[in-house]
Amino acid sequence: MKNANLYETHILTKNLERAIEFYKGLDLNLAFVIEERRVAFFWLGDPEKKEQMLGIWEVAEDKFVNRHFAFHVSLEELLEVPVFLESKGIKILPAFGLDESEPVVHAWMPAAAYYFEDHDGNSLEYLALVDGQKKPEVGVVHLSKWQQISQEAANTR
């Protein structure tokens, strides 16, 4: 259905206990563990609202495939991500040929993001929608460059 929201997504891990500690470290709320199935569920956002869920399934190494997903945050929260992740011992990764000194902006959306990985190599992202008209021809640029492009476009209207 066109107006459906994504309720849950699932990723794989090679070590469930380690994954639980990692995601708890990102301040996610552990909802439930089914030990015999080797799966843990986390609430995203307010656990009382029960709006979004992340499932993490332990599998054998030969069954493991890494995945990608993004956490949606405000721009203000995104700008706090480097300090937050550093306090957890997690490194922000360069993305799309750009260094990690500031968020990268996908100009086709537009949305700014920082990328990092969990201990299994799953690709994670904190993402915030940003002001300005989409400009797919720009590709991916740092946030400061996007703000400059957006300001120049606004001045020419």
Protein backbone atom coordinates (compact mmCIF):
# COMPACT_ATOMS: atom_id res chain seq x y z
CA MET A 1 0.00 0.00 0.00
CA LYS A 2 1.26 3.41 -0.98
CA ASN A 3 0.91 5.05 2.44
CA ALA A 4 2.41 2.26 4.52
CA ASN A 5 5.31 3.00 6.86
CA LEU A 6 8.22 0.65 7.45
CA TYR A 7 7.54 -1.00 10.79
CA GLU A 8 10.49 -3.31 11.21
CA THR A 9 13.65 -4.43 9.54
CA HIS A 10 16.00 -7.32 10.27
CA ILE A 11 19.74 -7.80 10.10
CA LEU A 12 22.06 -10.71 10.77
CA THR A 13 24.84 -11.15 13.30
CA LYS A 14 27.42 -13.81 14.01
CA ASN A 15 27.25 -13.16 17.78
CA LEU A 16 23.90 -12.21 19.30
CA GLU A 17 25.20 -11.16 22.73
CA ARG A 18 27.79 -8.86 21.16
CA ALA A 19 25.13 -7.39 18.84
CA ILE A 20 22.78 -6.79 21.77
CA GLU A 21 25.48 -4.87 23.62
CA PHE A 22 26.34 -2.83 20.50
CA TYR A 23 22.76 -1.76 19.81
CA LYS A 24 22.04 -1.09 23.48
CA GLY A 25 25.12 1.14 23.29
CA LEU A 26 23.36 3.13 20.56
CA ASP A 27 20.61 3.74 23.14
CA LEU A 28 18.09 1.40 21.48
CA ASN A 29 15.59 -0.24 23.81
CA LEU A 30 15.86 -4.01 23.99
CA ALA A 31 12.28 -5.27 23.61
CA PHE A 32 12.60 -9.05 23.67
CA VAL A 33 15.07 -11.88 23.19
CA ILE A 34 14.03 -15.32 21.97
CA GLU A 35 17.03 -17.35 23.04
CA GLU A 36 16.02 -20.61 21.35
CA ARG A 37 15.64 -18.78 18.01
CA ARG A 38 18.76 -16.62 18.62
CA VAL A 39 16.99 -13.36 17.88
CA ALA A 40 16.71 -10.03 19.66
CA PHE A 41 14.21 -7.26 19.00
CA PHE A 42 14.78 -3.57 19.72
CA TRP A 43 12.30 -0.72 19.76
CA LEU A 44 13.43 2.31 17.78
CA GLY A 45 12.31 5.64 19.17
CA ASP A 46 9.85 5.72 22.05
CA PRO A 47 9.24 2.13 23.21
CA GLU A 48 5.79 3.12 24.53
CA LYS A 49 4.68 4.07 21.01
CA LYS A 50 5.85 0.75 19.51
CA GLU A 51 6.25 2.39 16.09
CA GLN A 52 9.42 0.77 14.74
CA MET A 53 11.42 -2.34 15.46
CA LEU A 54 14.82 -3.81 14.61
CA GLY A 55 15.28 -7.57 14.67
CA ILE A 56 18.77 -9.07 14.94
CA TRP A 57 19.19 -12.75 14.08
CA GLU A 58 22.27 -14.80 14.88
CA VAL A 59 23.37 -17.06 12.04
CA ALA A 60 26.38 -19.24 11.32
CA GLU A 61 29.27 -17.51 9.58
CA ASP A 62 28.56 -19.26 6.26
CA LYS A 63 24.96 -17.90 6.30
CA PHE A 64 25.93 -14.34 7.22
CA VAL A 65 25.27 -11.50 4.75
CA ASN A 66 25.76 -7.93 5.85
CA ARG A 67 22.98 -5.38 5.37
CA HIS A 68 22.38 -1.64 5.43
CA PHE A 69 19.78 0.52 7.11
CA ALA A 70 19.48 4.13 8.31
CA PHE A 71 18.25 5.74 11.50
CA HIS A 72 16.25 8.93 10.79
CA VAL A 73 17.18 11.86 13.05
CA SER A 74 16.79 15.64 12.98
CA LEU A 75 19.60 17.71 11.50
CA GLU A 76 20.43 18.98 14.98
CA GLU A 77 20.79 15.39 16.20
CA LEU A 78 22.84 14.45 13.14
CA LEU A 79 25.35 17.16 13.95
CA GLU A 80 25.82 15.55 17.39
CA VAL A 81 26.53 12.10 15.91
CA PRO A 82 30.34 12.40 15.77
CA VAL A 83 30.60 13.08 19.51
CA PHE A 84 27.99 10.41 20.31
CA LEU A 85 29.69 7.71 18.25
CA GLU A 86 33.17 8.66 19.45
CA SER A 87 31.96 8.27 23.04
CA LYS A 88 30.97 4.70 22.11
CA GLY A 89 34.30 3.95 20.43
CA ILE A 90 32.66 3.84 16.99
CA LYS A 91 34.33 5.44 13.98
CA ILE A 92 32.46 7.37 11.32
CA LEU A 93 33.40 6.07 7.88
CA PRO A 94 34.26 8.02 4.75
CA ALA A 95 31.46 7.72 2.21
CA PHE A 96 31.14 8.21 -1.54
CA GLY A 97 34.73 9.41 -1.84
CA LEU A 98 34.28 12.09 0.82
CA ASP A 99 35.98 12.18 4.21
CA GLU A 100 34.08 11.95 7.48
CA SER A 101 34.81 15.53 8.59
CA GLU A 102 31.15 16.46 8.13
CA PRO A 103 27.94 14.79 6.96
CA VAL A 104 27.57 13.89 3.31
CA VAL A 105 24.46 15.04 1.45
CA HIS A 106 22.67 12.93 -1.13
CA ALA A 107 21.51 15.79 -3.35
CA TRP A 108 18.76 13.81 -5.05
CA MET A 109 16.73 13.67 -1.79
CA PRO A 110 18.26 15.91 -0.22
CA ALA A 111 19.41 14.22 2.98
CA ALA A 112 22.59 14.43 5.05
CA ALA A 113 24.18 11.35 6.60
CA TYR A 114 27.00 9.84 8.59
CA TYR A 115 27.93 6.18 8.00
CA PHE A 116 29.39 3.62 10.40
CA GLU A 117 29.39 -0.14 10.93
CA ASP A 118 28.46 -2.57 13.64
CA HIS A 119 30.90 -5.32 14.71
CA ASP A 120 29.61 -7.61 11.94
CA GLY A 121 30.16 -5.07 9.17
CA ASN A 122 26.50 -4.15 8.75
CA SER A 123 26.41 -0.67 7.22
CA LEU A 124 24.54 1.79 9.42
CA GLU A 125 23.65 5.38 8.84
CA TYR A 126 22.23 8.33 10.73
CA LEU A 127 20.24 10.39 8.21
CA ALA A 128 18.49 13.77 8.35
CA LEU A 129 16.46 15.47 5.65
CA VAL A 130 17.88 18.89 4.80
CA ASP A 131 16.50 22.08 3.30
CA GLY A 132 16.78 22.87 -0.37
CA GLN A 133 15.45 21.60 -3.65
CA LYS A 134 16.73 18.25 -4.85
CA LYS A 135 19.61 18.47 -7.30
CA PRO A 136 20.49 14.97 -8.54
CA GLU A 137 23.15 16.37 -10.86
CA VAL A 138 25.21 17.44 -7.82
CA GLY A 139 25.65 13.85 -6.62
CA VAL A 140 26.98 13.54 -3.07
CA VAL A 141 28.69 16.49 -1.37
CA HIS A 142 29.60 17.58 2.14
CA LEU A 143 26.90 19.42 4.07
CA SER A 144 28.74 22.77 3.90
CA LYS A 145 28.91 22.50 0.10
CA TRP A 146 25.21 21.58 -0.05
CA GLN A 147 24.32 24.61 2.09
CA GLN A 148 26.37 26.81 -0.27
CA ILE A 149 24.64 25.34 -3.34
CA SER A 150 21.21 25.76 -1.74
CA GLN A 151 21.92 29.37 -0.75
CA GLU A 152 23.13 30.23 -4.26
CA ALA A 153 19.99 28.66 -5.75
CA ALA A 154 17.77 30.61 -3.34
CA ASN A 155 19.55 33.87 -4.26
CA THR A 156 18.94 33.35 -7.99
CA ARG A 157 15.16 32.96 -7.62
